[in-house]
Amino acid sequence: MALKRVESIPSLPVRSPKGHKGDYGSILIVAGGRGMAGAAGLCGASALRSGAGLVRVACPAEVQPTVASFEPSYMTYPLPCDVEGFLDFAAARGALERLAEKADVLAIGPGLGQTDSILELVRWAVESSGKKLVLDADALNALAKDVRILERLSQPAVLTPHPGEFARLTGKTIKEVQADRESLASGLASRSKHLVVAVKGQGTLVTDGDRVYVNTTGNPGMATGGTGDVLTGVVAALLGQGLAAFEAAQLAVFTHGTAGDIARDHSGEIGLIAGDLVDALPDAFQHGVDGHDPNDEDDDDDVDLTL
């Protein structure tokens, strides 16, 4: 069956003057590990810059002071870790369950490391947390060990693999997945009616198994460490603000790419880093909020979205 092509970009509703932080989503990010504190920080900061009402970052105790130092606007929570400085899920489960009770969305994966503990974390998130999910990075590497977990989803979930992670999830080579992204991504998404897959890269592809959107924003300067962690935070924030999973992923990749284009126009492609995208997110969202079409060539105020 052919996938339905989606081209229109969803938007967030205009905020009520009476709105408060409880109206815009509580996000729990589980991320970070020894040498990977930045992944947690970038994810948390991007969720805030994407409109989340409240962001909590739960990370191994070893890196919690570093993660907290990046951004005062999110809260951080130290979790038990192993001798290598990565999450010990068995010891951390009780704390995570208590934190998850307060959350609308769980974003899991950036910088967590590739230990057996992470698979148990993913299994718990899918089967027991009951929360909307964004799974990225090391959560996807763990999931690749048992993709059947996805068939037990009972809540919306967005996967955001890069080509290497996508290859592991599908049991293919990178060359094979790049040659057949649409078919393989829709096949993966079809494992659950609750699942959306966003395969990152030039023309990031978003599908729920029935519909497909191919993104038009972004540039080669975004091929740098940490930009995927930023996208994870954006998707989580949009889910927390009430968008359905497909629309949240679609708007997230579009806005993430727009932020990359704004950052490129300011700093060039060579010097662009992930933190530049976080800084550009408010302007990227403003282009959607103010009502004009970023693809309208007649609008002199538009961002240059040319690849």
C-alpha atoms as a PDB file:
ATOM      1  CA  MET A   1       0.000   0.000   0.000  1.00  0.00           C
ATOM      2  CA  ALA A   2       1.351   3.397  -0.985  1.00  0.00           C
ATOM      3  CA  LEU A   3       2.018   5.856   1.803  1.00  0.00           C
ATOM      4  CA  LYS A   4       0.032   9.081   1.884  1.00  0.00           C
ATOM      5  CA  ARG A   5       2.319  12.046   1.223  1.00  0.00           C
ATOM      6  CA  VAL A   6       2.053  14.878   3.737  1.00  0.00           C
ATOM      7  CA  GLU A   7       3.452  18.295   2.860  1.00  0.00           C
ATOM      8  CA  SER A   8       1.639  20.827   5.067  1.00  0.00           C
ATOM      9  CA  ILE A   9       3.398  21.752   8.300  1.00  0.00           C
ATOM     10  CA  PRO A  10       1.427  21.586  11.576  1.00  0.00           C
ATOM     11  CA  SER A  11       1.646  24.402  14.093  1.00  0.00           C
ATOM     12  CA  LEU A  12       1.222  24.889  17.799  1.00  0.00           C
ATOM     13  CA  PRO A  13      -1.886  26.740  18.993  1.00  0.00           C
ATOM     14  CA  VAL A  14      -1.498  30.331  20.151  1.00  0.00           C
ATOM     15  CA  ARG A  15      -1.058  30.386  23.914  1.00  0.00           C
ATOM     16  CA  SER A  16      -3.786  31.657  26.194  1.00  0.00           C
ATOM     17  CA  PRO A  17      -3.006  34.719  28.315  1.00  0.00           C
ATOM     18  CA  LYS A  18      -4.135  32.570  31.252  1.00  0.00           C
ATOM     19  CA  GLY A  19      -1.720  29.746  30.443  1.00  0.00           C
ATOM     20  CA  HIS A  20       0.698  28.404  33.049  1.00  0.00           C
ATOM     21  CA  LYS A  21       3.582  25.938  32.968  1.00  0.00           C
ATOM     22  CA  GLY A  22       1.281  23.030  33.719  1.00  0.00           C
ATOM     23  CA  ASP A  23      -0.459  23.614  30.409  1.00  0.00           C
ATOM     24  CA  TYR A  24       2.629  23.057  28.282  1.00  0.00           C
ATOM     25  CA  GLY A  25       3.926  19.676  29.296  1.00  0.00           C
ATOM     26  CA  SER A  26       6.140  18.112  31.938  1.00  0.00           C
ATOM     27  CA  ILE A  27       9.118  16.382  30.319  1.00  0.00           C
ATOM     28  CA  LEU A  28      11.377  13.814  31.974  1.00  0.00           C
ATOM     29  CA  ILE A  29      14.651  13.276  30.124  1.00  0.00           C
ATOM     30  CA  VAL A  30      16.750  10.224  31.029  1.00  0.00           C
ATOM     31  CA  ALA A  31      20.167  10.823  29.512  1.00  0.00           C
ATOM     32  CA  GLY A  32      23.870  11.265  30.088  1.00  0.00           C
ATOM     33  CA  GLY A  33      26.765   9.240  31.395  1.00  0.00           C
ATOM     34  CA  ARG A  34      30.503   9.541  31.925  1.00  0.00           C
ATOM     35  CA  GLY A  35      31.854  11.734  29.138  1.00  0.00           C
ATOM     36  CA  MET A  36      28.328  12.314  27.808  1.00  0.00           C
ATOM     37  CA  ALA A  37      26.938  14.995  30.108  1.00  0.00           C
ATOM     38  CA  GLY A  38      26.562  17.339  27.152  1.00  0.00           C
ATOM     39  CA  ALA A  39      23.990  15.066  25.508  1.00  0.00           C
ATOM     40  CA  ALA A  40      21.710  15.431  28.526  1.00  0.00           C
ATOM     41  CA  GLY A  41      22.258  19.177  28.699  1.00  0.00           C
ATOM     42  CA  LEU A  42      21.532  19.769  25.014  1.00  0.00           C
ATOM     43  CA  CYS A  43      18.375  17.676  25.183  1.00  0.00           C
ATOM     44  CA  GLY A  44      17.099  19.484  28.258  1.00  0.00           C
ATOM     45  CA  ALA A  45      17.864  22.950  26.924  1.00  0.00           C
ATOM     46  CA  SER A  46      16.219  22.249  23.569  1.00  0.00           C
ATOM     47  CA  ALA A  47      13.052  20.987  25.260  1.00  0.00           C
ATOM     48  CA  LEU A  48      12.851  24.260  27.170  1.00  0.00           C
ATOM     49  CA  ARG A  49      13.510  26.319  24.049  1.00  0.00           C
ATOM     50  CA  SER A  50      10.737  24.383  22.311  1.00  0.00           C
ATOM     51  CA  GLY A  51       8.098  25.479  24.788  1.00  0.00           C
ATOM     52  CA  ALA A  52       7.993  22.737  27.418  1.00  0.00           C
ATOM     53  CA  GLY A  53       6.444  23.976  30.643  1.00  0.00           C
ATOM     54  CA  LEU A  54       8.718  21.965  32.923  1.00  0.00           C
ATOM     55  CA  VAL A  55      11.818  19.896  32.207  1.00  0.00           C
ATOM     56  CA  ARG A  56      13.483  17.410  34.522  1.00  0.00           C
ATOM     57  CA  VAL A  57      16.756  15.734  33.559  1.00  0.00           C
ATOM     58  CA  ALA A  58      17.524  12.458  35.337  1.00  0.00           C
ATOM     59  CA  CYS A  59      21.119  11.367  34.847  1.00  0.00           C
ATOM     60  CA  PRO A  60      23.796   9.248  36.529  1.00  0.00           C
ATOM     61  CA  ALA A  61      24.939  10.831  39.780  1.00  0.00           C
ATOM     62  CA  GLU A  62      28.509  11.092  38.502  1.00  0.00           C
ATOM     63  CA  VAL A  63      27.542  13.658  35.849  1.00  0.00           C
ATOM     64  CA  GLN A  64      24.608  15.382  37.574  1.00  0.00           C
ATOM     65  CA  PRO A  65      26.619  18.425  38.768  1.00  0.00           C
ATOM     66  CA  THR A  66      27.924  18.974  35.240  1.00  0.00           C
ATOM     67  CA  VAL A  67      24.479  18.605  33.651  1.00  0.00           C
ATOM     68  CA  ALA A  68      23.018  21.027  36.211  1.00  0.00           C
ATOM     69  CA  SER A  69      25.705  23.594  35.420  1.00  0.00           C
ATOM     70  CA  PHE A  70      24.689  23.868  31.766  1.00  0.00           C
ATOM     71  CA  GLU A  71      21.235  25.367  32.270  1.00  0.00           C
ATOM     72  CA  PRO A  72      19.509  26.735  35.406  1.00  0.00           C
ATOM     73  CA  SER A  73      16.008  26.469  33.920  1.00  0.00           C
ATOM     74  CA  TYR A  74      15.687  22.685  34.117  1.00  0.00           C
ATOM     75  CA  MET A  75      15.852  20.518  37.224  1.00  0.00           C
ATOM     76  CA  THR A  76      18.295  17.652  37.554  1.00  0.00           C
ATOM     77  CA  TYR A  77      18.083  14.420  39.509  1.00  0.00           C
ATOM     78  CA  PRO A  78      21.041  12.113  40.295  1.00  0.00           C
ATOM     79  CA  LEU A  79      20.489   8.423  39.626  1.00  0.00           C
ATOM     80  CA  PRO A  80      22.537   5.405  40.745  1.00  0.00           C
ATOM     81  CA  CYS A  81      25.315   4.525  38.319  1.00  0.00           C
ATOM     82  CA  ASP A  82      27.709   1.660  37.768  1.00  0.00           C
ATOM     83  CA  VAL A  83      31.471   1.780  38.218  1.00  0.00           C
ATOM     84  CA  GLU A  84      31.841   3.064  34.647  1.00  0.00           C
ATOM     85  CA  GLY A  85      29.650   6.099  35.333  1.00  0.00           C
ATOM     86  CA  PHE A  86      26.559   4.912  33.436  1.00  0.00           C
ATOM     87  CA  LEU A  87      23.004   4.341  34.601  1.00  0.00           C
ATOM     88  CA  ASP A  88      22.245   1.334  36.821  1.00  0.00           C
ATOM     89  CA  PHE A  89      18.572   0.844  36.009  1.00  0.00           C
ATOM     90  CA  ALA A  90      17.897  -1.836  38.608  1.00  0.00           C
ATOM     91  CA  ALA A  91      19.046   0.539  41.353  1.00  0.00           C
ATOM     92  CA  ALA A  92      17.430   3.591  39.743  1.00  0.00           C
ATOM     93  CA  ARG A  93      14.030   2.101  38.889  1.00  0.00           C
ATOM     94  CA  GLY A  94      12.218   3.302  42.012  1.00  0.00           C
ATOM     95  CA  ALA A  95      13.427   6.871  41.571  1.00  0.00           C
ATOM     96  CA  LEU A  96      12.513   6.842  37.878  1.00  0.00           C
ATOM     97  CA  GLU A  97       9.031   5.539  38.608  1.00  0.00           C
ATOM     98  CA  ARG A  98       8.453   8.389  41.049  1.00  0.00           C
ATOM     99  CA  LEU A  99       9.760  10.976  38.587  1.00  0.00           C
ATOM    100  CA  ALA A 100       7.704   9.505  35.732  1.00  0.00           C
ATOM    101  CA  GLU A 101       4.507   9.933  37.750  1.00  0.00           C
ATOM    102  CA  LYS A 102       4.975  13.705  37.377  1.00  0.00           C
ATOM    103  CA  ALA A 103       5.757  13.597  33.645  1.00  0.00           C
ATOM    104  CA  ASP A 104       3.678  13.702  30.483  1.00  0.00           C
ATOM    105  CA  VAL A 105       6.554  12.620  28.229  1.00  0.00           C
ATOM    106  CA  LEU A 106       9.702  10.538  28.716  1.00  0.00           C
ATOM    107  CA  ALA A 107      12.678  11.201  26.432  1.00  0.00           C
ATOM    108  CA  ILE A 108      15.279   8.474  26.755  1.00  0.00           C
ATOM    109  CA  GLY A 109      18.647   7.762  25.230  1.00  0.00           C
ATOM    110  CA  PRO A 110      21.175  10.548  24.607  1.00  0.00           C
ATOM    111  CA  GLY A 111      24.531   9.659  26.113  1.00  0.00           C
ATOM    112  CA  LEU A 112      23.274   6.748  28.236  1.00  0.00           C
ATOM    113  CA  GLY A 113      25.883   4.268  27.024  1.00  0.00           C
ATOM    114  CA  GLN A 114      25.495   0.753  25.676  1.00  0.00           C
ATOM    115  CA  THR A 115      25.088  -1.386  28.778  1.00  0.00           C
ATOM    116  CA  ASP A 116      22.600  -4.193  29.384  1.00  0.00           C
ATOM    117  CA  SER A 117      20.878  -1.924  31.886  1.00  0.00           C
ATOM    118  CA  ILE A 118      19.636   0.369  29.139  1.00  0.00           C
ATOM    119  CA  LEU A 119      17.599  -2.405  27.507  1.00  0.00           C
ATOM    120  CA  GLU A 120      15.797  -2.926  30.812  1.00  0.00           C
ATOM    121  CA  LEU A 121      15.157   0.813  31.009  1.00  0.00           C
ATOM    122  CA  VAL A 122      13.628   0.794  27.523  1.00  0.00           C
ATOM    123  CA  ARG A 123      11.554  -2.280  28.311  1.00  0.00           C
ATOM    124  CA  TRP A 124      10.171  -0.559  31.434  1.00  0.00           C
ATOM    125  CA  ALA A 125       9.447   2.665  29.539  1.00  0.00           C
ATOM    126  CA  VAL A 126       7.519   0.847  26.804  1.00  0.00           C
ATOM    127  CA  GLU A 127       5.689  -1.720  28.907  1.00  0.00           C
ATOM    128  CA  SER A 128       5.119  -0.042  32.267  1.00  0.00           C
ATOM    129  CA  SER A 129       5.593   3.726  32.269  1.00  0.00           C
ATOM    130  CA  GLY A 130       2.364   4.571  30.424  1.00  0.00           C
ATOM    131  CA  LYS A 131       3.927   7.823  29.188  1.00  0.00           C
ATOM    132  CA  LYS A 132       4.422   9.260  25.726  1.00  0.00           C
ATOM    133  CA  LEU A 133       7.938   8.362  24.609  1.00  0.00           C
ATOM    134  CA  VAL A 134      10.805   9.675  22.550  1.00  0.00           C
ATOM    135  CA  LEU A 135      13.531   7.069  22.066  1.00  0.00           C
ATOM    136  CA  ASP A 136      16.876   8.110  20.625  1.00  0.00           C
ATOM    137  CA  ALA A 137      20.564   7.251  20.560  1.00  0.00           C
ATOM    138  CA  ASP A 138      21.493   4.572  23.106  1.00  0.00           C
ATOM    139  CA  ALA A 139      17.833   3.741  23.757  1.00  0.00           C
ATOM    140  CA  LEU A 140      17.671   2.743  20.086  1.00  0.00           C
ATOM    141  CA  ASN A 141      20.914   0.785  20.296  1.00  0.00           C
ATOM    142  CA  ALA A 142      19.389  -1.158  23.207  1.00  0.00           C
ATOM    143  CA  LEU A 143      16.079  -1.584  21.398  1.00  0.00           C
ATOM    144  CA  ALA A 144      17.885  -3.133  18.435  1.00  0.00           C
ATOM    145  CA  LYS A 145      18.597  -6.134  20.664  1.00  0.00           C
ATOM    146  CA  ASP A 146      14.854  -6.843  20.943  1.00  0.00           C
ATOM    147  CA  VAL A 147      12.742  -4.794  18.509  1.00  0.00           C
ATOM    148  CA  ARG A 148       9.690  -6.883  19.413  1.00  0.00           C
ATOM    149  CA  ILE A 149       9.353  -4.697  22.498  1.00  0.00           C
ATOM    150  CA  LEU A 150       7.722  -2.111  20.242  1.00  0.00           C
ATOM    151  CA  GLU A 151       4.777  -4.424  19.615  1.00  0.00           C
ATOM    152  CA  ARG A 152       3.790  -3.948  23.262  1.00  0.00           C
ATOM    153  CA  LEU A 153       3.416  -0.183  22.987  1.00  0.00           C
ATOM    154  CA  SER A 154       0.148   1.170  24.370  1.00  0.00           C
ATOM    155  CA  GLN A 155       1.084   4.853  24.172  1.00  0.00           C
ATOM    156  CA  PRO A 156       2.469   7.206  21.482  1.00  0.00           C
ATOM    157  CA  ALA A 157       6.193   6.817  20.812  1.00  0.00           C
ATOM    158  CA  VAL A 158       8.606   8.503  18.412  1.00  0.00           C
ATOM    159  CA  LEU A 159      11.906   6.912  17.375  1.00  0.00           C
ATOM    160  CA  THR A 160      14.582   9.242  15.980  1.00  0.00           C
ATOM    161  CA  PRO A 161      17.369   7.063  14.530  1.00  0.00           C
ATOM    162  CA  HIS A 162      20.282   8.235  12.427  1.00  0.00           C
ATOM    163  CA  PRO A 163      21.223   5.868   9.564  1.00  0.00           C
ATOM    164  CA  GLY A 164      23.520   3.732  11.720  1.00  0.00           C
ATOM    165  CA  GLU A 165      20.884   3.253  14.427  1.00  0.00           C
ATOM    166  CA  PHE A 166      18.242   2.654  11.775  1.00  0.00           C
ATOM    167  CA  ALA A 167      20.404  -0.051  10.228  1.00  0.00           C
ATOM    168  CA  ARG A 168      20.728  -1.800  13.584  1.00  0.00           C
ATOM    169  CA  LEU A 169      16.975  -1.585  14.215  1.00  0.00           C
ATOM    170  CA  THR A 170      16.169  -3.147  10.843  1.00  0.00           C
ATOM    171  CA  GLY A 171      19.022  -5.644  10.639  1.00  0.00           C
ATOM    172  CA  LYS A 172      20.301  -4.060   7.426  1.00  0.00           C
ATOM    173  CA  THR A 173      23.493  -2.291   6.399  1.00  0.00           C
ATOM    174  CA  ILE A 174      23.673   1.488   6.267  1.00  0.00           C
ATOM    175  CA  LYS A 175      23.887   1.286   2.484  1.00  0.00           C
ATOM    176  CA  GLU A 176      20.730  -0.819   2.362  1.00  0.00           C
ATOM    177  CA  VAL A 177      18.691   1.475   4.611  1.00  0.00           C
ATOM    178  CA  GLN A 178      19.801   4.572   2.755  1.00  0.00           C
ATOM    179  CA  ALA A 179      18.677   2.999  -0.510  1.00  0.00           C
ATOM    180  CA  ASP A 180      15.238   2.026   0.809  1.00  0.00           C
ATOM    181  CA  ARG A 181      14.492   4.398   3.685  1.00  0.00           C
ATOM    182  CA  GLU A 182      10.782   4.832   3.050  1.00  0.00           C
ATOM    183  CA  SER A 183       9.865   1.177   2.825  1.00  0.00           C
ATOM    184  CA  LEU A 184      12.005   0.139   5.778  1.00  0.00           C
ATOM    185  CA  ALA A 185      10.886   3.049   7.969  1.00  0.00           C
ATOM    186  CA  SER A 186       7.202   2.409   7.261  1.00  0.00           C
ATOM    187  CA  GLY A 187       7.744  -1.273   8.002  1.00  0.00           C
ATOM    188  CA  LEU A 188       9.310  -0.454  11.348  1.00  0.00           C
ATOM    189  CA  ALA A 189       6.539   2.022  12.198  1.00  0.00           C
ATOM    190  CA  SER A 190       3.928  -0.604  11.343  1.00  0.00           C
ATOM    191  CA  ARG A 191       5.026  -2.710  14.322  1.00  0.00           C
ATOM    192  CA  SER A 192       2.599  -0.639  16.406  1.00  0.00           C
ATOM    193  CA  LYS A 193      -0.305   1.706  15.695  1.00  0.00           C
ATOM    194  CA  HIS A 194       1.241   4.017  18.321  1.00  0.00           C
ATOM    195  CA  LEU A 195       4.643   4.298  16.651  1.00  0.00           C
ATOM    196  CA  VAL A 196       6.232   7.047  14.545  1.00  0.00           C
ATOM    197  CA  VAL A 197       9.716   6.772  13.044  1.00  0.00           C
ATOM    198  CA  ALA A 198      11.831   9.780  12.038  1.00  0.00           C
ATOM    199  CA  VAL A 199      14.933   8.696  10.095  1.00  0.00           C
ATOM    200  CA  LYS A 200      17.428  11.544  10.313  1.00  0.00           C
ATOM    201  CA  GLY A 201      19.626  12.811   7.506  1.00  0.00           C
ATOM    202  CA  GLN A 202      19.223  14.907   4.393  1.00  0.00           C
ATOM    203  CA  GLY A 203      15.473  15.018   3.872  1.00  0.00           C
ATOM    204  CA  THR A 204      14.637  13.519   7.277  1.00  0.00           C
ATOM    205  CA  LEU A 205      11.758  11.096   6.760  1.00  0.00           C
ATOM    206  CA  VAL A 206       8.816  10.838   9.176  1.00  0.00           C
ATOM    207  CA  THR A 207       6.286   8.006   8.940  1.00  0.00           C
ATOM    208  CA  ASP A 208       3.632   6.243  10.988  1.00  0.00           C
ATOM    209  CA  GLY A 209       3.303   3.405   8.490  1.00  0.00           C
ATOM    210  CA  ASP A 210       0.396   5.080   6.690  1.00  0.00           C
ATOM    211  CA  ARG A 211       1.674   8.614   6.064  1.00  0.00           C
ATOM    212  CA  VAL A 212       5.096   9.973   5.150  1.00  0.00           C
ATOM    213  CA  TYR A 213       6.646  13.421   5.361  1.00  0.00           C
ATOM    214  CA  VAL A 214      10.051  14.275   3.887  1.00  0.00           C
ATOM    215  CA  ASN A 215      11.603  17.334   5.492  1.00  0.00           C
ATOM    216  CA  THR A 216      12.914  20.236   3.408  1.00  0.00           C
ATOM    217  CA  THR A 217      14.917  22.217   5.974  1.00  0.00           C
ATOM    218  CA  GLY A 218      18.464  21.833   7.233  1.00  0.00           C
ATOM    219  CA  ASN A 219      21.992  21.919   5.848  1.00  0.00           C
ATOM    220  CA  PRO A 220      25.321  20.009   5.986  1.00  0.00           C
ATOM    221  CA  GLY A 221      26.569  22.139   8.886  1.00  0.00           C
ATOM    222  CA  MET A 222      24.217  20.146  11.095  1.00  0.00           C
ATOM    223  CA  ALA A 223      26.371  17.045  10.571  1.00  0.00           C
ATOM    224  CA  THR A 224      28.025  17.510  13.955  1.00  0.00           C
ATOM    225  CA  GLY A 225      27.764  15.803  17.336  1.00  0.00           C
ATOM    226  CA  GLY A 226      24.812  16.741  19.507  1.00  0.00           C
ATOM    227  CA  THR A 227      22.313  17.905  16.903  1.00  0.00           C
ATOM    228  CA  GLY A 228      20.351  14.679  17.334  1.00  0.00           C
ATOM    229  CA  ASP A 229      20.147  15.293  21.090  1.00  0.00           C
ATOM    230  CA  VAL A 230      18.635  18.685  20.301  1.00  0.00           C
ATOM    231  CA  LEU A 231      15.989  17.065  18.084  1.00  0.00           C
ATOM    232  CA  THR A 232      15.043  14.647  20.879  1.00  0.00           C
ATOM    233  CA  GLY A 233      14.271  17.564  23.164  1.00  0.00           C
ATOM    234  CA  VAL A 234      12.208  19.322  20.493  1.00  0.00           C
ATOM    235  CA  VAL A 235      10.065  16.244  19.804  1.00  0.00           C
ATOM    236  CA  ALA A 236       9.487  15.685  23.535  1.00  0.00           C
ATOM    237  CA  ALA A 237       8.425  19.302  24.064  1.00  0.00           C
ATOM    238  CA  LEU A 238       5.931  19.193  21.193  1.00  0.00           C
ATOM    239  CA  LEU A 239       4.422  15.946  22.443  1.00  0.00           C
ATOM    240  CA  GLY A 240       4.094  17.592  25.848  1.00  0.00           C
ATOM    241  CA  GLN A 241       2.200  20.500  24.316  1.00  0.00           C
ATOM    242  CA  GLY A 242      -0.437  18.183  22.944  1.00  0.00           C
ATOM    243  CA  LEU A 243       0.551  17.428  19.365  1.00  0.00           C
ATOM    244  CA  ALA A 244      -0.073  13.893  18.152  1.00  0.00           C
ATOM    245  CA  ALA A 245       3.066  11.832  17.587  1.00  0.00           C
ATOM    246  CA  PHE A 246       3.217  12.189  13.790  1.00  0.00           C
ATOM    247  CA  GLU A 247       2.572  15.938  13.886  1.00  0.00           C
ATOM    248  CA  ALA A 248       5.027  16.423  16.754  1.00  0.00           C
ATOM    249  CA  ALA A 249       7.785  14.606  14.849  1.00  0.00           C
ATOM    250  CA  GLN A 250       6.971  16.455  11.631  1.00  0.00           C
ATOM    251  CA  LEU A 251       7.005  19.931  13.202  1.00  0.00           C
ATOM    252  CA  ALA A 252      10.085  19.014  15.232  1.00  0.00           C
ATOM    253  CA  VAL A 253      12.235  18.008  12.266  1.00  0.00           C
ATOM    254  CA  PHE A 254      11.046  21.019  10.273  1.00  0.00           C
ATOM    255  CA  THR A 255      11.807  23.462  13.097  1.00  0.00           C
ATOM    256  CA  HIS A 256      15.081  21.724  13.986  1.00  0.00           C
ATOM    257  CA  GLY A 257      16.211  22.118  10.368  1.00  0.00           C
ATOM    258  CA  THR A 258      15.038  25.726  10.303  1.00  0.00           C
ATOM    259  CA  ALA A 259      17.111  26.403  13.426  1.00  0.00           C
ATOM    260  CA  GLY A 260      20.062  24.846  11.650  1.00  0.00           C
ATOM    261  CA  ASP A 261      19.533  27.140   8.680  1.00  0.00           C
ATOM    262  CA  ILE A 262      19.310  30.197  10.931  1.00  0.00           C
ATOM    263  CA  ALA A 263      22.515  29.130  12.690  1.00  0.00           C
ATOM    264  CA  ARG A 264      24.223  28.546   9.336  1.00  0.00           C
ATOM    265  CA  ASP A 265      23.275  32.006   8.133  1.00  0.00           C
ATOM    266  CA  HIS A 266      24.830  33.449  11.276  1.00  0.00           C
ATOM    267  CA  SER A 267      27.951  31.319  11.657  1.00  0.00           C
ATOM    268  CA  GLY A 268      28.409  29.384   8.429  1.00  0.00           C
ATOM    269  CA  GLU A 269      28.334  25.626   8.017  1.00  0.00           C
ATOM    270  CA  ILE A 270      31.900  24.870   9.119  1.00  0.00           C
ATOM    271  CA  GLY A 271      31.680  26.420  12.577  1.00  0.00           C
ATOM    272  CA  LEU A 272      28.128  25.341  13.385  1.00  0.00           C
ATOM    273  CA  ILE A 273      27.713  23.332  16.614  1.00  0.00           C
ATOM    274  CA  ALA A 274      24.695  21.785  18.310  1.00  0.00           C
ATOM    275  CA  GLY A 275      24.411  24.564  20.862  1.00  0.00           C
ATOM    276  CA  ASP A 276      23.852  27.006  18.005  1.00  0.00           C
ATOM    277  CA  LEU A 277      20.652  25.138  17.151  1.00  0.00           C
ATOM    278  CA  VAL A 278      19.385  25.478  20.714  1.00  0.00           C
ATOM    279  CA  ASP A 279      20.015  29.223  20.561  1.00  0.00           C
ATOM    280  CA  ALA A 280      18.223  29.478  17.200  1.00  0.00           C
ATOM    281  CA  LEU A 281      15.118  27.517  18.195  1.00  0.00           C
ATOM    282  CA  PRO A 282      13.128  30.552  19.443  1.00  0.00           C
ATOM    283  CA  ASP A 283      13.559  32.288  16.084  1.00  0.00           C
ATOM    284  CA  ALA A 284      12.766  29.057  14.240  1.00  0.00           C
ATOM    285  CA  PHE A 285       9.512  28.642  16.141  1.00  0.00           C
ATOM    286  CA  GLN A 286       8.665  32.314  15.704  1.00  0.00           C
ATOM    287  CA  HIS A 287       8.640  31.825  11.945  1.00  0.00           C
ATOM    288  CA  GLY A 288       5.894  29.248  12.446  1.00  0.00           C
ATOM    289  CA  VAL A 289       3.966  31.117  15.125  1.00  0.00           C
ATOM    290  CA  ASP A 290       3.741  34.443  13.294  1.00  0.00           C
ATOM    291  CA  GLY A 291       1.624  32.918  10.570  1.00  0.00           C
ATOM    292  CA  HIS A 292       3.705  33.177   7.419  1.00  0.00           C
ATOM    293  CA  ASP A 293       4.790  30.284   5.288  1.00  0.00           C
ATOM    294  CA  PRO A 294       8.575  29.674   5.519  1.00  0.00           C
ATOM    295  CA  ASN A 295       8.470  28.189   2.012  1.00  0.00           C
ATOM    296  CA  ASP A 296       6.843  31.289   0.476  1.00  0.00           C
ATOM    297  CA  GLU A 297       9.472  32.854  -1.764  1.00  0.00           C
ATOM    298  CA  ASP A 298       7.472  36.107  -1.866  1.00  0.00           C
ATOM    299  CA  ASP A 299       7.880  36.695   1.866  1.00  0.00           C
ATOM    300  CA  ASP A 300      10.971  38.855   2.318  1.00  0.00           C
ATOM    301  CA  ASP A 301      11.178  38.019   6.031  1.00  0.00           C
ATOM    302  CA  ASP A 302      11.452  34.279   5.543  1.00  0.00           C
ATOM    303  CA  VAL A 303      14.405  32.215   6.667  1.00  0.00           C
ATOM    304  CA  ASP A 304      16.551  30.945   3.806  1.00  0.00           C
ATOM    305  CA  LEU A 305      15.710  27.255   3.734  1.00  0.00           C
ATOM    306  CA  THR A 306      17.775  26.345   0.686  1.00  0.00           C
ATOM    307  CA  LEU A 307      19.833  23.189   1.224  1.00  0.00           C
END
